[in-house]
Structures are given as structure tokens and as C-alpha cells.
Amino acid sequence: MQGAAHLIIIGYSLPEADYLIRAMLARSFARRSEEVSAVTMSRSGFGQYLIEQRYRRVFAQCRFEADGFAGFVD
């Protein structure tokens, strides 16, 4: 992952309990969080807000695509 130029995470809510995954991702991309894109699809605005807050704690400047995979591809 350290050699990757960009990180695109699709359909993963980045739960607090997955601390090993969070640490691995942060090691590679926390300092270059503008290169991270999170593709999500939430059924509620509040759910989307919670997911975005989790991502912002690890990747302060990441981008969000809230239209799911199909919206991301378009």
C-alpha cells in the first residue's frame, strides 16, 4: 500500500472495532489523505454523516462519493 498513489475504498464503513485495518490504512495514507476516496451509499443522511466522521478522523482531507459504486463509475 505504501507504493500506491491513490486509495479508493468502496462500501466499507471503517468501523471503530477494525483498529488493525484503520492503523494499516493510516500508516500509508494519513499524511496524504487527499489521495483517499471513500465510496459509500447510505440510506440516511445521519448514517452518511457518521461514516464521513469516521473517515475524517483517519483521513482529514479525503473525498467522498455518496452515490455508491454506480455513481462513482459514472
PDB file of N, CA and C in Angstrom:
ATOM      1  N   MET A   1       0.811  -1.191   0.000  1.00  0.00           N
ATOM      2  CA  MET A   1       0.000   0.000   0.000  1.00  0.00           C
ATOM      3  C   MET A   1       0.859   1.261   0.000  1.00  0.00           C
ATOM      4  N   GLN A   2       2.022   1.196   0.568  1.00  0.00           N
ATOM      5  CA  GLN A   2       2.841   2.402   0.648  1.00  0.00           C
ATOM      6  C   GLN A   2       3.276   2.895  -0.717  1.00  0.00           C
ATOM      7  N   GLY A   3       3.347   2.009  -1.694  1.00  0.00           N
ATOM      8  CA  GLY A   3       3.723   2.412  -3.038  1.00  0.00           C
ATOM      9  C   GLY A   3       2.567   2.897  -3.880  1.00  0.00           C
ATOM     10  N   ALA A   4       1.338   2.754  -3.384  1.00  0.00           N
ATOM     11  CA  ALA A   4       0.159   3.168  -4.146  1.00  0.00           C
ATOM     12  C   ALA A   4       0.031   4.686  -4.168  1.00  0.00           C
ATOM     13  N   ALA A   5      -0.369   5.213  -5.321  1.00  0.00           N
ATOM     14  CA  ALA A   5      -0.562   6.658  -5.454  1.00  0.00           C
ATOM     15  C   ALA A   5      -1.904   7.100  -4.900  1.00  0.00           C
ATOM     16  N   HIS A   6      -2.919   6.260  -5.010  1.00  0.00           N
ATOM     17  CA  HIS A   6      -4.272   6.588  -4.559  1.00  0.00           C
ATOM     18  C   HIS A   6      -4.861   5.404  -3.810  1.00  0.00           C
ATOM     19  N   LEU A   7      -5.804   5.711  -2.939  1.00  0.00           N
ATOM     20  CA  LEU A   7      -6.545   4.675  -2.226  1.00  0.00           C
ATOM     21  C   LEU A   7      -8.025   4.939  -2.434  1.00  0.00           C
ATOM     22  N   ILE A   8      -8.728   3.971  -2.988  1.00  0.00           N
ATOM     23  CA  ILE A   8     -10.174   4.063  -3.171  1.00  0.00           C
ATOM     24  C   ILE A   8     -10.803   2.948  -2.357  1.00  0.00           C
ATOM     25  N   ILE A   9     -11.640   3.328  -1.409  1.00  0.00           N
ATOM     26  CA  ILE A   9     -12.302   2.368  -0.530  1.00  0.00           C
ATOM     27  C   ILE A   9     -13.775   2.357  -0.894  1.00  0.00           C
ATOM     28  N   ILE A  10     -14.283   1.201  -1.282  1.00  0.00           N
ATOM     29  CA  ILE A  10     -15.663   1.091  -1.756  1.00  0.00           C
ATOM     30  C   ILE A  10     -16.475   0.236  -0.794  1.00  0.00           C
ATOM     31  N   GLY A  11     -17.553   0.816  -0.271  1.00  0.00           N
ATOM     32  CA  GLY A  11     -18.508   0.067   0.529  1.00  0.00           C
ATOM     33  C   GLY A  11     -18.027  -0.385   1.889  1.00  0.00           C
ATOM     34  N   TYR A  12     -17.085   0.298   2.470  1.00  0.00           N
ATOM     35  CA  TYR A  12     -16.556  -0.078   3.782  1.00  0.00           C
ATOM     36  C   TYR A  12     -16.801   1.073   4.745  1.00  0.00           C
ATOM     37  N   SER A  13     -17.445   0.801   5.857  1.00  0.00           N
ATOM     38  CA  SER A  13     -17.827   1.868   6.789  1.00  0.00           C
ATOM     39  C   SER A  13     -16.721   2.254   7.769  1.00  0.00           C
ATOM     40  N   LEU A  14     -15.588   1.584   7.721  1.00  0.00           N
ATOM     41  CA  LEU A  14     -14.440   1.872   8.586  1.00  0.00           C
ATOM     42  C   LEU A  14     -14.826   1.873  10.070  1.00  0.00           C
ATOM     43  N   PRO A  15     -15.386   0.756  10.549  1.00  0.00           N
ATOM     44  CA  PRO A  15     -15.847   0.724  11.941  1.00  0.00           C
ATOM     45  C   PRO A  15     -14.703   0.871  12.940  1.00  0.00           C
ATOM     46  N   GLU A  16     -15.025   1.443  14.082  1.00  0.00           N
ATOM     47  CA  GLU A  16     -14.035   1.663  15.144  1.00  0.00           C
ATOM     48  C   GLU A  16     -13.393   0.346  15.582  1.00  0.00           C
ATOM     49  N   ALA A  17     -14.135  -0.742  15.566  1.00  0.00           N
ATOM     50  CA  ALA A  17     -13.630  -2.039  16.022  1.00  0.00           C
ATOM     51  C   ALA A  17     -12.527  -2.598  15.135  1.00  0.00           C
ATOM     52  N   ASP A  18     -12.435  -2.157  13.896  1.00  0.00           N
ATOM     53  CA  ASP A  18     -11.399  -2.634  12.971  1.00  0.00           C
ATOM     54  C   ASP A  18     -10.127  -1.798  13.130  1.00  0.00           C
ATOM     55  N   TYR A  19      -9.607  -1.745  14.338  1.00  0.00           N
ATOM     56  CA  TYR A  19      -8.464  -0.885  14.604  1.00  0.00           C
ATOM     57  C   TYR A  19      -7.207  -1.314  13.851  1.00  0.00           C
ATOM     58  N   LEU A  20      -7.043  -2.591  13.568  1.00  0.00           N
ATOM     59  CA  LEU A  20      -5.856  -3.021  12.810  1.00  0.00           C
ATOM     60  C   LEU A  20      -5.920  -2.529  11.364  1.00  0.00           C
ATOM     61  N   ILE A  21      -7.094  -2.606  10.764  1.00  0.00           N
ATOM     62  CA  ILE A  21      -7.264  -2.097   9.395  1.00  0.00           C
ATOM     63  C   ILE A  21      -7.065  -0.588   9.386  1.00  0.00           C
ATOM     64  N   ARG A  22      -7.661   0.099  10.341  1.00  0.00           N
ATOM     65  CA  ARG A  22      -7.526   1.559  10.424  1.00  0.00           C
ATOM     66  C   ARG A  22      -6.056   1.956  10.561  1.00  0.00           C
ATOM     67  N   ALA A  23      -5.312   1.237  11.403  1.00  0.00           N
ATOM     68  CA  ALA A  23      -3.896   1.547  11.600  1.00  0.00           C
ATOM     69  C   ALA A  23      -3.103   1.298  10.323  1.00  0.00           C
ATOM     70  N   MET A  24      -3.390   0.202   9.616  1.00  0.00           N
ATOM     71  CA  MET A  24      -2.682  -0.102   8.382  1.00  0.00           C
ATOM     72  C   MET A  24      -2.938   0.985   7.331  1.00  0.00           C
ATOM     73  N   LEU A  25      -4.186   1.396   7.189  1.00  0.00           N
ATOM     74  CA  LEU A  25      -4.518   2.433   6.215  1.00  0.00           C
ATOM     75  C   LEU A  25      -3.902   3.776   6.604  1.00  0.00           C
ATOM     76  N   ALA A  26      -3.959   4.098   7.874  1.00  0.00           N
ATOM     77  CA  ALA A  26      -3.406   5.369   8.347  1.00  0.00           C
ATOM     78  C   ALA A  26      -1.899   5.432   8.139  1.00  0.00           C
ATOM     79  N   ARG A  27      -1.202   4.319   8.351  1.00  0.00           N
ATOM     80  CA  ARG A  27       0.248   4.300   8.148  1.00  0.00           C
ATOM     81  C   ARG A  27       0.618   4.696   6.728  1.00  0.00           C
ATOM     82  N   SER A  28      -0.202   4.277   5.782  1.00  0.00           N
ATOM     83  CA  SER A  28       0.122   4.524   4.382  1.00  0.00           C
ATOM     84  C   SER A  28      -0.444   5.838   3.849  1.00  0.00           C
ATOM     85  N   PHE A  29      -1.583   6.296   4.386  1.00  0.00           N
ATOM     86  CA  PHE A  29      -2.258   7.427   3.741  1.00  0.00           C
ATOM     87  C   PHE A  29      -2.656   8.583   4.650  1.00  0.00           C
ATOM     88  N   ALA A  30      -2.408   8.550   5.929  1.00  0.00           N
ATOM     89  CA  ALA A  30      -2.840   9.643   6.805  1.00  0.00           C
ATOM     90  C   ALA A  30      -2.200  10.970   6.413  1.00  0.00           C
ATOM     91  N   ARG A  31      -0.956  10.957   6.016  1.00  0.00           N
ATOM     92  CA  ARG A  31      -0.259  12.204   5.648  1.00  0.00           C
ATOM     93  C   ARG A  31      -0.567  12.672   4.232  1.00  0.00           C
ATOM     94  N   ARG A  32      -1.167  11.817   3.468  1.00  0.00           N
ATOM     95  CA  ARG A  32      -1.562  12.204   2.105  1.00  0.00           C
ATOM     96  C   ARG A  32      -3.026  11.836   1.879  1.00  0.00           C
ATOM     97  N   SER A  33      -3.844  12.280   2.820  1.00  0.00           N
ATOM     98  CA  SER A  33      -5.260  11.910   2.831  1.00  0.00           C
ATOM     99  C   SER A  33      -6.036  12.470   1.651  1.00  0.00           C
ATOM    100  N   GLU A  34      -5.501  13.463   0.979  1.00  0.00           N
ATOM    101  CA  GLU A  34      -6.173  13.997  -0.217  1.00  0.00           C
ATOM    102  C   GLU A  34      -6.180  12.981  -1.358  1.00  0.00           C
ATOM    103  N   GLU A  35      -5.390  11.930  -1.236  1.00  0.00           N
ATOM    104  CA  GLU A  35      -5.333  10.863  -2.245  1.00  0.00           C
ATOM    105  C   GLU A  35      -6.282   9.705  -1.925  1.00  0.00           C
ATOM    106  N   VAL A  36      -7.122   9.878  -0.900  1.00  0.00           N
ATOM    107  CA  VAL A  36      -8.061   8.829  -0.489  1.00  0.00           C
ATOM    108  C   VAL A  36      -9.471   9.210  -0.929  1.00  0.00           C
ATOM    109  N   SER A  37     -10.166   8.258  -1.542  1.00  0.00           N
ATOM    110  CA  SER A  37     -11.577   8.420  -1.897  1.00  0.00           C
ATOM    111  C   SER A  37     -12.371   7.323  -1.222  1.00  0.00           C
ATOM    112  N   ALA A  38     -13.477   7.701  -0.594  1.00  0.00           N
ATOM    113  CA  ALA A  38     -14.373   6.743   0.047  1.00  0.00           C
ATOM    114  C   ALA A  38     -15.679   6.734  -0.728  1.00  0.00           C
ATOM    115  N   VAL A  39     -16.054   5.571  -1.226  1.00  0.00           N
ATOM    116  CA  VAL A  39     -17.289   5.411  -1.994  1.00  0.00           C
ATOM    117  C   VAL A  39     -18.287   4.693  -1.098  1.00  0.00           C
ATOM    118  N   THR A  40     -19.356   5.381  -0.749  1.00  0.00           N
ATOM    119  CA  THR A  40     -20.349   4.823   0.152  1.00  0.00           C
ATOM    120  C   THR A  40     -21.745   5.039  -0.409  1.00  0.00           C
ATOM    121  N   MET A  41     -22.685   4.372   0.215  1.00  0.00           N
ATOM    122  CA  MET A  41     -24.091   4.574  -0.133  1.00  0.00           C
ATOM    123  C   MET A  41     -24.892   4.351   1.138  1.00  0.00           C
ATOM    124  N   SER A  42     -25.372   5.419   1.714  1.00  0.00           N
ATOM    125  CA  SER A  42     -26.120   5.330   2.953  1.00  0.00           C
ATOM    126  C   SER A  42     -27.594   5.600   2.689  1.00  0.00           C
ATOM    127  N   ARG A  43     -28.420   4.949   3.460  1.00  0.00           N
ATOM    128  CA  ARG A  43     -29.862   5.138   3.308  1.00  0.00           C
ATOM    129  C   ARG A  43     -30.357   6.378   4.048  1.00  0.00           C
ATOM    130  N   SER A  44     -29.544   6.928   4.911  1.00  0.00           N
ATOM    131  CA  SER A  44     -29.967   8.119   5.648  1.00  0.00           C
ATOM    132  C   SER A  44     -28.843   9.143   5.687  1.00  0.00           C
ATOM    133  N   GLY A  45     -29.216  10.397   5.814  1.00  0.00           N
ATOM    134  CA  GLY A  45     -28.223  11.460   5.915  1.00  0.00           C
ATOM    135  C   GLY A  45     -27.384  11.328   7.163  1.00  0.00           C
ATOM    136  N   PHE A  46     -28.010  10.914   8.261  1.00  0.00           N
ATOM    137  CA  PHE A  46     -27.269  10.762   9.510  1.00  0.00           C
ATOM    138  C   PHE A  46     -26.268   9.616   9.418  1.00  0.00           C
ATOM    139  N   GLY A  47     -26.668   8.517   8.776  1.00  0.00           N
ATOM    140  CA  GLY A  47     -25.750   7.395   8.580  1.00  0.00           C
ATOM    141  C   GLY A  47     -24.537   7.804   7.769  1.00  0.00           C
ATOM    142  N   GLN A  48     -24.768   8.583   6.728  1.00  0.00           N
ATOM    143  CA  GLN A  48     -23.673   9.086   5.895  1.00  0.00           C
ATOM    144  C   GLN A  48     -22.763  10.005   6.712  1.00  0.00           C
ATOM    145  N   TYR A  49     -23.363  10.830   7.548  1.00  0.00           N
ATOM    146  CA  TYR A  49     -22.600  11.731   8.403  1.00  0.00           C
ATOM    147  C   TYR A  49     -21.664  10.951   9.331  1.00  0.00           C
ATOM    148  N   LEU A  50     -22.191   9.879   9.948  1.00  0.00           N
ATOM    149  CA  LEU A  50     -21.368   9.071  10.855  1.00  0.00           C
ATOM    150  C   LEU A  50     -20.200   8.415  10.133  1.00  0.00           C
ATOM    151  N   ILE A  51     -20.453   7.896   8.952  1.00  0.00           N
ATOM    152  CA  ILE A  51     -19.381   7.276   8.173  1.00  0.00           C
ATOM    153  C   ILE A  51     -18.331   8.318   7.803  1.00  0.00           C
ATOM    154  N   GLU A  52     -18.796   9.476   7.368  1.00  0.00           N
ATOM    155  CA  GLU A  52     -17.847  10.532   6.992  1.00  0.00           C
ATOM    156  C   GLU A  52     -16.996  10.949   8.179  1.00  0.00           C
ATOM    157  N   GLN A  53     -17.576  11.049   9.351  1.00  0.00           N
ATOM    158  CA  GLN A  53     -16.810  11.416  10.544  1.00  0.00           C
ATOM    159  C   GLN A  53     -15.734  10.381  10.866  1.00  0.00           C
ATOM    160  N   ARG A  54     -16.051   9.102  10.703  1.00  0.00           N
ATOM    161  CA  ARG A  54     -15.044   8.055  10.939  1.00  0.00           C
ATOM    162  C   ARG A  54     -13.875   8.215   9.985  1.00  0.00           C
ATOM    163  N   TYR A  55     -14.174   8.456   8.725  1.00  0.00           N
ATOM    164  CA  TYR A  55     -13.114   8.625   7.733  1.00  0.00           C
ATOM    165  C   TYR A  55     -12.296   9.883   8.008  1.00  0.00           C
ATOM    166  N   ARG A  56     -12.940  10.961   8.378  1.00  0.00           N
ATOM    167  CA  ARG A  56     -12.225  12.227   8.620  1.00  0.00           C
ATOM    168  C   ARG A  56     -11.260  12.120   9.799  1.00  0.00           C
ATOM    169  N   ARG A  57     -11.547  11.252  10.762  1.00  0.00           N
ATOM    170  CA  ARG A  57     -10.617  11.073  11.886  1.00  0.00           C
ATOM    171  C   ARG A  57      -9.303  10.450  11.428  1.00  0.00           C
ATOM    172  N   VAL A  58      -9.362   9.635  10.389  1.00  0.00           N
ATOM    173  CA  VAL A  58      -8.162   8.968   9.893  1.00  0.00           C
ATOM    174  C   VAL A  58      -7.574   9.713   8.691  1.00  0.00           C
ATOM    175  N   PHE A  59      -8.437  10.159   7.795  1.00  0.00           N
ATOM    176  CA  PHE A  59      -8.019  10.826   6.555  1.00  0.00           C
ATOM    177  C   PHE A  59      -8.705  12.195   6.480  1.00  0.00           C
ATOM    178  N   ALA A  60      -8.081  13.211   7.038  1.00  0.00           N
ATOM    179  CA  ALA A  60      -8.713  14.523   7.200  1.00  0.00           C
ATOM    180  C   ALA A  60      -9.198  15.138   5.887  1.00  0.00           C
ATOM    181  N   GLN A  61      -8.491  14.918   4.794  1.00  0.00           N
ATOM    182  CA  GLN A  61      -8.838  15.581   3.535  1.00  0.00           C
ATOM    183  C   GLN A  61      -9.335  14.615   2.461  1.00  0.00           C
ATOM    184  N   CYS A  62      -9.883  13.492   2.860  1.00  0.00           N
ATOM    185  CA  CYS A  62     -10.343  12.519   1.862  1.00  0.00           C
ATOM    186  C   CYS A  62     -11.588  13.024   1.131  1.00  0.00           C
ATOM    187  N   ARG A  63     -11.837  12.421  -0.022  1.00  0.00           N
ATOM    188  CA  ARG A  63     -13.012  12.754  -0.837  1.00  0.00           C
ATOM    189  C   ARG A  63     -14.091  11.709  -0.603  1.00  0.00           C
ATOM    190  N   PHE A  64     -15.343  12.132  -0.734  1.00  0.00           N
ATOM    191  CA  PHE A  64     -16.477  11.225  -0.565  1.00  0.00           C
ATOM    192  C   PHE A  64     -17.322  11.179  -1.818  1.00  0.00           C
ATOM    193  N   GLU A  65     -17.714   9.981  -2.161  1.00  0.00           N
ATOM    194  CA  GLU A  65     -18.679   9.734  -3.224  1.00  0.00           C
ATOM    195  C   GLU A  65     -19.841   9.007  -2.536  1.00  0.00           C
ATOM    196  N   ALA A  66     -20.967   9.662  -2.357  1.00  0.00           N
ATOM    197  CA  ALA A  66     -22.079   9.091  -1.596  1.00  0.00           C
ATOM    198  C   ALA A  66     -23.109   8.401  -2.501  1.00  0.00           C
ATOM    199  N   ASP A  67     -22.847   8.299  -3.784  1.00  0.00           N
ATOM    200  CA  ASP A  67     -23.803   7.716  -4.717  1.00  0.00           C
ATOM    201  C   ASP A  67     -23.551   6.242  -4.993  1.00  0.00           C
ATOM    202  N   GLY A  68     -22.726   5.593  -4.191  1.00  0.00           N
ATOM    203  CA  GLY A  68     -22.424   4.197  -4.379  1.00  0.00           C
ATOM    204  C   GLY A  68     -21.473   3.954  -5.530  1.00  0.00           C
ATOM    205  N   PHE A  69     -21.237   2.691  -5.809  1.00  0.00           N
ATOM    206  CA  PHE A  69     -20.289   2.308  -6.844  1.00  0.00           C
ATOM    207  C   PHE A  69     -20.721   2.784  -8.228  1.00  0.00           C
ATOM    208  N   ALA A  70     -22.013   2.638  -8.536  1.00  0.00           N
ATOM    209  CA  ALA A  70     -22.507   3.047  -9.857  1.00  0.00           C
ATOM    210  C   ALA A  70     -22.289   4.537 -10.090  1.00  0.00           C
ATOM    211  N   GLY A  71     -22.543   5.343  -9.068  1.00  0.00           N
ATOM    212  CA  GLY A  71     -22.305   6.774  -9.185  1.00  0.00           C
ATOM    213  C   GLY A  71     -20.837   7.114  -9.325  1.00  0.00           C
ATOM    214  N   PHE A  72     -20.010   6.368  -8.656  1.00  0.00           N
ATOM    215  CA  PHE A  72     -18.557   6.581  -8.740  1.00  0.00           C
ATOM    216  C   PHE A  72     -18.041   6.279 -10.139  1.00  0.00           C
ATOM    217  N   VAL A  73     -18.523   5.210 -10.734  1.00  0.00           N
ATOM    218  CA  VAL A  73     -18.080   4.812 -12.065  1.00  0.00           C
ATOM    219  C   VAL A  73     -18.530   5.814 -13.125  1.00  0.00           C
ATOM    220  N   ASP A  74     -19.750   6.329 -12.954  1.00  0.00           N
ATOM    221  CA  ASP A  74     -20.241   7.322 -13.918  1.00  0.00           C
ATOM    222  C   ASP A  74     -19.397   8.555 -13.852  1.00  0.00           C
TER     223      ASP A  74
END
